[in-house]
N, C-alpha and C. Protein backbone atom coordinates (compact mmCIF):
# COMPACT_ATOMS: atom_id res chain seq x y z
N MET A 1 108.29 -25.39 150.27
CA MET A 1 108.23 -26.44 149.28
C MET A 1 107.94 -27.79 149.92
N GLU A 2 108.51 -27.99 151.09
CA GLU A 2 108.28 -29.26 151.76
C GLU A 2 106.81 -29.41 152.14
N ALA A 3 106.16 -28.32 152.49
CA ALA A 3 104.73 -28.37 152.82
C ALA A 3 103.91 -28.76 151.61
N LEU A 4 104.27 -28.26 150.43
CA LEU A 4 103.56 -28.62 149.20
C LEU A 4 103.75 -30.09 148.89
N LEU A 5 104.96 -30.58 149.06
CA LEU A 5 105.20 -32.01 148.83
C LEU A 5 104.42 -32.86 149.81
N GLN A 6 104.33 -32.41 151.06
CA GLN A 6 103.56 -33.16 152.05
C GLN A 6 102.07 -33.17 151.69
N ARG A 7 101.55 -32.05 151.19
CA ARG A 7 100.15 -32.01 150.75
C ARG A 7 99.93 -32.95 149.57
N LEU A 8 100.90 -32.99 148.69
CA LEU A 8 100.80 -33.88 147.53
C LEU A 8 100.85 -35.35 147.96
N ILE A 9 101.71 -35.67 148.89
CA ILE A 9 101.80 -37.04 149.42
C ILE A 9 100.50 -37.41 150.13
N LEU A 10 99.95 -36.49 150.90
CA LEU A 10 98.70 -36.75 151.60
C LEU A 10 97.56 -36.97 150.61
N LEU A 11 97.50 -36.14 149.59
CA LEU A 11 96.48 -36.28 148.55
C LEU A 11 96.58 -37.65 147.87
N SER A 12 97.78 -38.04 147.51
CA SER A 12 97.99 -39.33 146.85
C SER A 12 97.69 -40.49 147.80
N SER A 13 98.10 -40.38 149.04
CA SER A 13 97.85 -41.44 150.02
C SER A 13 96.36 -41.64 150.25
N ASN A 14 95.62 -40.53 150.30
CA ASN A 14 94.17 -40.64 150.49
C ASN A 14 93.52 -41.38 149.33
N LEU A 15 93.97 -41.13 148.12
CA LEU A 15 93.41 -41.83 146.97
C LEU A 15 93.78 -43.30 147.01
N VAL A 16 95.02 -43.61 147.40
CA VAL A 16 95.45 -45.01 147.46
C VAL A 16 94.61 -45.79 148.46
N GLU A 17 94.23 -45.15 149.56
CA GLU A 17 93.42 -45.83 150.59
C GLU A 17 92.06 -46.27 150.04
N ARG A 18 91.51 -45.51 149.13
CA ARG A 18 90.19 -45.85 148.57
C ARG A 18 90.28 -46.20 147.09
N LEU A 19 91.42 -46.69 146.70
CA LEU A 19 91.70 -46.93 145.29
C LEU A 19 90.76 -47.94 144.65
N ASP A 20 90.42 -49.01 145.35
CA ASP A 20 89.57 -50.04 144.76
C ASP A 20 88.13 -49.58 144.56
N SER A 21 87.70 -48.61 145.35
CA SER A 21 86.32 -48.14 145.24
C SER A 21 86.22 -46.77 144.58
N ALA A 22 87.34 -46.18 144.19
CA ALA A 22 87.33 -44.84 143.60
C ALA A 22 86.67 -44.87 142.23
N ASP A 23 85.88 -43.84 141.97
CA ASP A 23 85.22 -43.74 140.67
C ASP A 23 85.90 -42.65 139.83
N LEU A 24 85.38 -42.45 138.66
CA LEU A 24 85.98 -41.50 137.72
C LEU A 24 85.99 -40.08 138.29
N LYS A 25 84.95 -39.72 139.00
CA LYS A 25 84.86 -38.38 139.59
C LYS A 25 85.98 -38.16 140.59
N GLN A 26 86.28 -39.16 141.40
CA GLN A 26 87.35 -39.04 142.39
C GLN A 26 88.72 -38.97 141.73
N PHE A 27 88.93 -39.74 140.67
CA PHE A 27 90.19 -39.66 139.92
C PHE A 27 90.34 -38.28 139.28
N ASP A 28 89.25 -37.76 138.76
CA ASP A 28 89.28 -36.44 138.13
C ASP A 28 89.62 -35.36 139.15
N GLU A 29 89.01 -35.43 140.32
CA GLU A 29 89.28 -34.45 141.38
C GLU A 29 90.73 -34.56 141.85
N TYR A 30 91.22 -35.78 141.98
CA TYR A 30 92.62 -35.99 142.36
C TYR A 30 93.56 -35.35 141.34
N MET A 31 93.30 -35.59 140.07
CA MET A 31 94.17 -35.04 139.03
C MET A 31 94.12 -33.51 139.01
N ARG A 32 92.95 -32.94 139.26
CA ARG A 32 92.81 -31.48 139.27
C ARG A 32 93.63 -30.89 140.43
N GLN A 33 93.48 -31.45 141.62
CA GLN A 33 94.22 -30.95 142.78
C GLN A 33 95.72 -31.17 142.62
N ARG A 34 96.09 -32.30 142.06
CA ARG A 34 97.49 -32.61 141.83
C ARG A 34 98.12 -31.59 140.88
N GLU A 35 97.39 -31.26 139.83
CA GLU A 35 97.88 -30.27 138.86
C GLU A 35 98.09 -28.91 139.52
N GLU A 36 97.16 -28.51 140.38
CA GLU A 36 97.30 -27.23 141.09
C GLU A 36 98.56 -27.22 141.96
N LEU A 37 98.78 -28.31 142.69
CA LEU A 37 99.96 -28.39 143.55
C LEU A 37 101.25 -28.38 142.73
N PHE A 38 101.26 -29.07 141.60
CA PHE A 38 102.45 -29.07 140.75
C PHE A 38 102.72 -27.68 140.17
N LEU A 39 101.68 -26.95 139.83
CA LEU A 39 101.88 -25.58 139.34
C LEU A 39 102.52 -24.70 140.41
N GLU A 40 102.10 -24.89 141.65
CA GLU A 40 102.71 -24.15 142.76
C GLU A 40 104.16 -24.56 142.95
N LEU A 41 104.43 -25.86 142.85
CA LEU A 41 105.80 -26.35 143.02
C LEU A 41 106.74 -25.81 141.95
N GLU A 42 106.25 -25.70 140.74
CA GLU A 42 107.09 -25.22 139.63
C GLU A 42 107.52 -23.76 139.82
N GLN A 43 106.78 -23.01 140.58
CA GLN A 43 107.08 -21.59 140.76
C GLN A 43 108.09 -21.33 141.88
N LEU A 44 108.39 -22.36 142.67
CA LEU A 44 109.30 -22.18 143.80
C LEU A 44 110.74 -22.39 143.39
N VAL A 45 111.62 -21.69 144.09
CA VAL A 45 113.06 -21.85 143.92
C VAL A 45 113.58 -22.56 145.17
N VAL A 46 114.31 -23.64 144.96
CA VAL A 46 114.78 -24.46 146.08
C VAL A 46 116.28 -24.29 146.25
N PRO A 47 116.70 -23.98 147.49
CA PRO A 47 118.14 -23.91 147.76
C PRO A 47 118.78 -25.30 147.64
N ALA A 48 120.02 -25.33 147.26
CA ALA A 48 120.73 -26.59 147.01
C ALA A 48 120.79 -27.47 148.26
N GLU A 49 120.89 -26.85 149.45
CA GLU A 49 120.99 -27.66 150.67
C GLU A 49 119.69 -28.38 151.01
N GLN A 50 118.57 -27.93 150.49
CA GLN A 50 117.30 -28.59 150.74
C GLN A 50 116.99 -29.70 149.73
N MET A 51 117.73 -29.75 148.67
CA MET A 51 117.45 -30.69 147.59
C MET A 51 117.49 -32.16 148.05
N ALA A 52 118.43 -32.51 148.91
CA ALA A 52 118.55 -33.90 149.36
C ALA A 52 117.32 -34.33 150.16
N VAL A 53 116.84 -33.46 151.02
CA VAL A 53 115.65 -33.77 151.82
C VAL A 53 114.43 -33.87 150.92
N LEU A 54 114.33 -32.95 150.00
CA LEU A 54 113.18 -32.94 149.09
C LEU A 54 113.21 -34.12 148.13
N ARG A 55 114.40 -34.58 147.80
CA ARG A 55 114.53 -35.73 146.92
C ARG A 55 113.92 -36.97 147.58
N LEU A 56 114.11 -37.13 148.88
CA LEU A 56 113.51 -38.26 149.60
C LEU A 56 111.98 -38.18 149.58
N GLU A 57 111.46 -36.99 149.78
CA GLU A 57 110.00 -36.80 149.73
C GLU A 57 109.48 -37.07 148.32
N ALA A 58 110.20 -36.63 147.33
CA ALA A 58 109.79 -36.85 145.94
C ALA A 58 109.81 -38.34 145.60
N ASP A 59 110.81 -39.05 146.09
CA ASP A 59 110.86 -40.50 145.86
C ASP A 59 109.68 -41.21 146.52
N ARG A 60 109.33 -40.76 147.71
CA ARG A 60 108.17 -41.32 148.41
C ARG A 60 106.89 -41.07 147.60
N LEU A 61 106.77 -39.87 147.07
CA LEU A 61 105.60 -39.52 146.26
C LEU A 61 105.55 -40.37 144.99
N ILE A 62 106.68 -40.58 144.37
CA ILE A 62 106.73 -41.40 143.15
C ILE A 62 106.29 -42.83 143.44
N SER A 63 106.70 -43.38 144.56
CA SER A 63 106.30 -44.76 144.88
C SER A 63 104.79 -44.84 145.14
N ILE A 64 104.22 -43.84 145.78
CA ILE A 64 102.77 -43.82 146.02
C ILE A 64 102.02 -43.68 144.70
N GLU A 65 102.49 -42.78 143.86
CA GLU A 65 101.79 -42.53 142.60
C GLU A 65 101.92 -43.70 141.62
N SER A 66 102.95 -44.51 141.76
CA SER A 66 103.06 -45.68 140.88
C SER A 66 101.91 -46.65 141.12
N VAL A 67 101.43 -46.73 142.36
CA VAL A 67 100.27 -47.57 142.68
C VAL A 67 99.02 -47.01 141.99
N ILE A 68 98.88 -45.69 142.02
CA ILE A 68 97.73 -45.04 141.39
C ILE A 68 97.77 -45.24 139.88
N VAL A 69 98.93 -45.07 139.29
CA VAL A 69 99.07 -45.24 137.85
C VAL A 69 98.73 -46.68 137.44
N ALA A 70 99.18 -47.65 138.23
CA ALA A 70 98.88 -49.05 137.93
C ALA A 70 97.37 -49.29 137.95
N ARG A 71 96.68 -48.71 138.91
CA ARG A 71 95.22 -48.87 138.99
C ARG A 71 94.53 -48.19 137.80
N MET A 72 95.02 -47.02 137.42
CA MET A 72 94.43 -46.31 136.28
C MET A 72 94.63 -47.09 134.99
N VAL A 73 95.78 -47.72 134.84
CA VAL A 73 96.04 -48.54 133.66
C VAL A 73 95.09 -49.74 133.63
N THR A 74 94.88 -50.35 134.80
CA THR A 74 93.95 -51.49 134.88
C THR A 74 92.55 -51.06 134.49
N LEU A 75 92.10 -49.92 135.01
CA LEU A 75 90.76 -49.41 134.67
C LEU A 75 90.66 -49.08 133.19
N ARG A 76 91.72 -48.52 132.62
CA ARG A 76 91.72 -48.20 131.19
C ARG A 76 91.60 -49.47 130.36
N ASP A 77 92.34 -50.50 130.75
CA ASP A 77 92.29 -51.76 130.01
C ASP A 77 90.92 -52.41 130.11
N GLU A 78 90.30 -52.36 131.30
CA GLU A 78 88.95 -52.89 131.45
C GLU A 78 87.95 -52.13 130.58
N ALA A 79 88.07 -50.82 130.55
CA ALA A 79 87.19 -50.00 129.72
C ALA A 79 87.40 -50.32 128.24
N ARG A 80 88.64 -50.51 127.84
CA ARG A 80 88.94 -50.84 126.45
C ARG A 80 88.33 -52.19 126.06
N GLN A 81 88.39 -53.17 126.97
CA GLN A 81 87.79 -54.47 126.70
C GLN A 81 86.28 -54.36 126.54
N GLN A 82 85.64 -53.58 127.40
CA GLN A 82 84.20 -53.39 127.29
C GLN A 82 83.85 -52.67 125.99
N TRP A 83 84.64 -51.68 125.64
CA TRP A 83 84.41 -50.95 124.39
C TRP A 83 84.55 -51.89 123.19
N ASP A 84 85.56 -52.75 123.22
CA ASP A 84 85.75 -53.71 122.13
C ASP A 84 84.56 -54.66 122.02
N LYS A 85 84.01 -55.07 123.15
CA LYS A 85 82.82 -55.94 123.13
C LYS A 85 81.64 -55.22 122.49
N ILE A 86 81.45 -53.97 122.84
CA ILE A 86 80.35 -53.19 122.26
C ILE A 86 80.54 -53.05 120.76
N GLN A 87 81.76 -52.74 120.34
CA GLN A 87 82.04 -52.57 118.92
C GLN A 87 81.85 -53.89 118.17
N GLN A 88 82.26 -54.99 118.77
CA GLN A 88 82.07 -56.30 118.14
C GLN A 88 80.59 -56.60 117.99
N GLY A 89 79.81 -56.27 119.00
CA GLY A 89 78.36 -56.46 118.92
C GLY A 89 77.74 -55.64 117.80
N ARG A 90 78.20 -54.42 117.67
CA ARG A 90 77.68 -53.55 116.58
C ARG A 90 78.06 -54.10 115.21
N ARG A 91 79.29 -54.58 115.10
CA ARG A 91 79.72 -55.16 113.82
C ARG A 91 78.91 -56.41 113.49
N SER A 92 78.67 -57.25 114.50
CA SER A 92 77.88 -58.47 114.27
C SER A 92 76.45 -58.12 113.87
N GLN A 93 75.89 -57.13 114.53
CA GLN A 93 74.53 -56.70 114.20
C GLN A 93 74.47 -56.15 112.77
N ALA A 94 75.47 -55.38 112.38
CA ALA A 94 75.50 -54.81 111.04
C ALA A 94 75.63 -55.92 109.98
N ARG A 95 76.47 -56.92 110.26
CA ARG A 95 76.60 -58.04 109.32
C ARG A 95 75.30 -58.83 109.22
N TYR A 96 74.65 -59.04 110.33
CA TYR A 96 73.38 -59.76 110.33
C TYR A 96 72.33 -59.00 109.54
N ASP A 97 72.24 -57.68 109.79
CA ASP A 97 71.25 -56.86 109.09
C ASP A 97 71.51 -56.84 107.59
N SER A 98 72.77 -56.71 107.20
CA SER A 98 73.07 -56.64 105.77
C SER A 98 72.86 -57.99 105.08
N ALA A 99 73.06 -59.08 105.81
CA ALA A 99 72.87 -60.40 105.22
C ALA A 99 71.40 -60.70 104.93
N TYR A 100 70.52 -60.07 105.67
CA TYR A 100 69.08 -60.33 105.49
C TYR A 100 68.36 -59.12 104.92
N GLY A 101 69.03 -58.30 104.20
CA GLY A 101 68.40 -57.21 103.49
C GLY A 101 68.19 -55.94 104.29
N GLY A 102 68.62 -55.93 105.52
CA GLY A 102 68.55 -54.71 106.31
C GLY A 102 67.13 -54.26 106.61
N GLY A 103 66.21 -55.18 106.68
CA GLY A 103 64.85 -54.82 107.06
C GLY A 103 63.87 -54.79 105.91
N ASP A 104 64.29 -54.96 104.66
CA ASP A 104 63.37 -55.00 103.52
C ASP A 104 62.66 -56.35 103.53
N SER A 105 61.36 -56.29 103.62
CA SER A 105 60.58 -57.53 103.71
C SER A 105 60.26 -58.05 102.32
N LEU A 106 60.27 -59.36 102.16
CA LEU A 106 59.93 -60.00 100.90
C LEU A 106 58.45 -60.37 100.85
N PHE A 107 57.77 -60.23 101.95
CA PHE A 107 56.36 -60.58 102.02
C PHE A 107 55.50 -59.38 101.70
N PHE A 108 54.32 -59.63 101.20
CA PHE A 108 53.39 -58.55 100.92
C PHE A 108 51.98 -58.97 101.30
N ASP A 109 51.11 -58.02 101.40
CA ASP A 109 49.74 -58.28 101.83
C ASP A 109 48.92 -58.62 100.58
N ALA A 110 48.42 -59.85 100.51
CA ALA A 110 47.69 -60.32 99.33
C ALA A 110 46.28 -59.71 99.26
N ARG A 111 45.72 -59.21 100.32
CA ARG A 111 44.37 -58.67 100.30
C ARG A 111 44.30 -57.32 99.63
N ARG A 112 45.38 -56.63 99.46
CA ARG A 112 45.31 -55.29 98.87
C ARG A 112 45.34 -55.36 97.40
């Protein structure tokens, strides 16, 4: 179990090192690998005497992952702001189009 926790800490630490330049693909890969490790951890039975040592490793992992979560929240908020700008632009365009007839021209060709 300690080896799995160490792999999880290493995985998280590697992402934290490149956190500012990480893209969606890297976050996705991190989450996939993290999920696999957690599934393995859930299947293990831990003796009571090892719990104190593992608790320290788990606390270390939680502190590392809090940095990752904070970055993910920041990226989500930035994406939400950009999405809101796009939606506002669409609403403005729709109001403009409807105010001027939505493309129906009032002019006609006098030669016909």
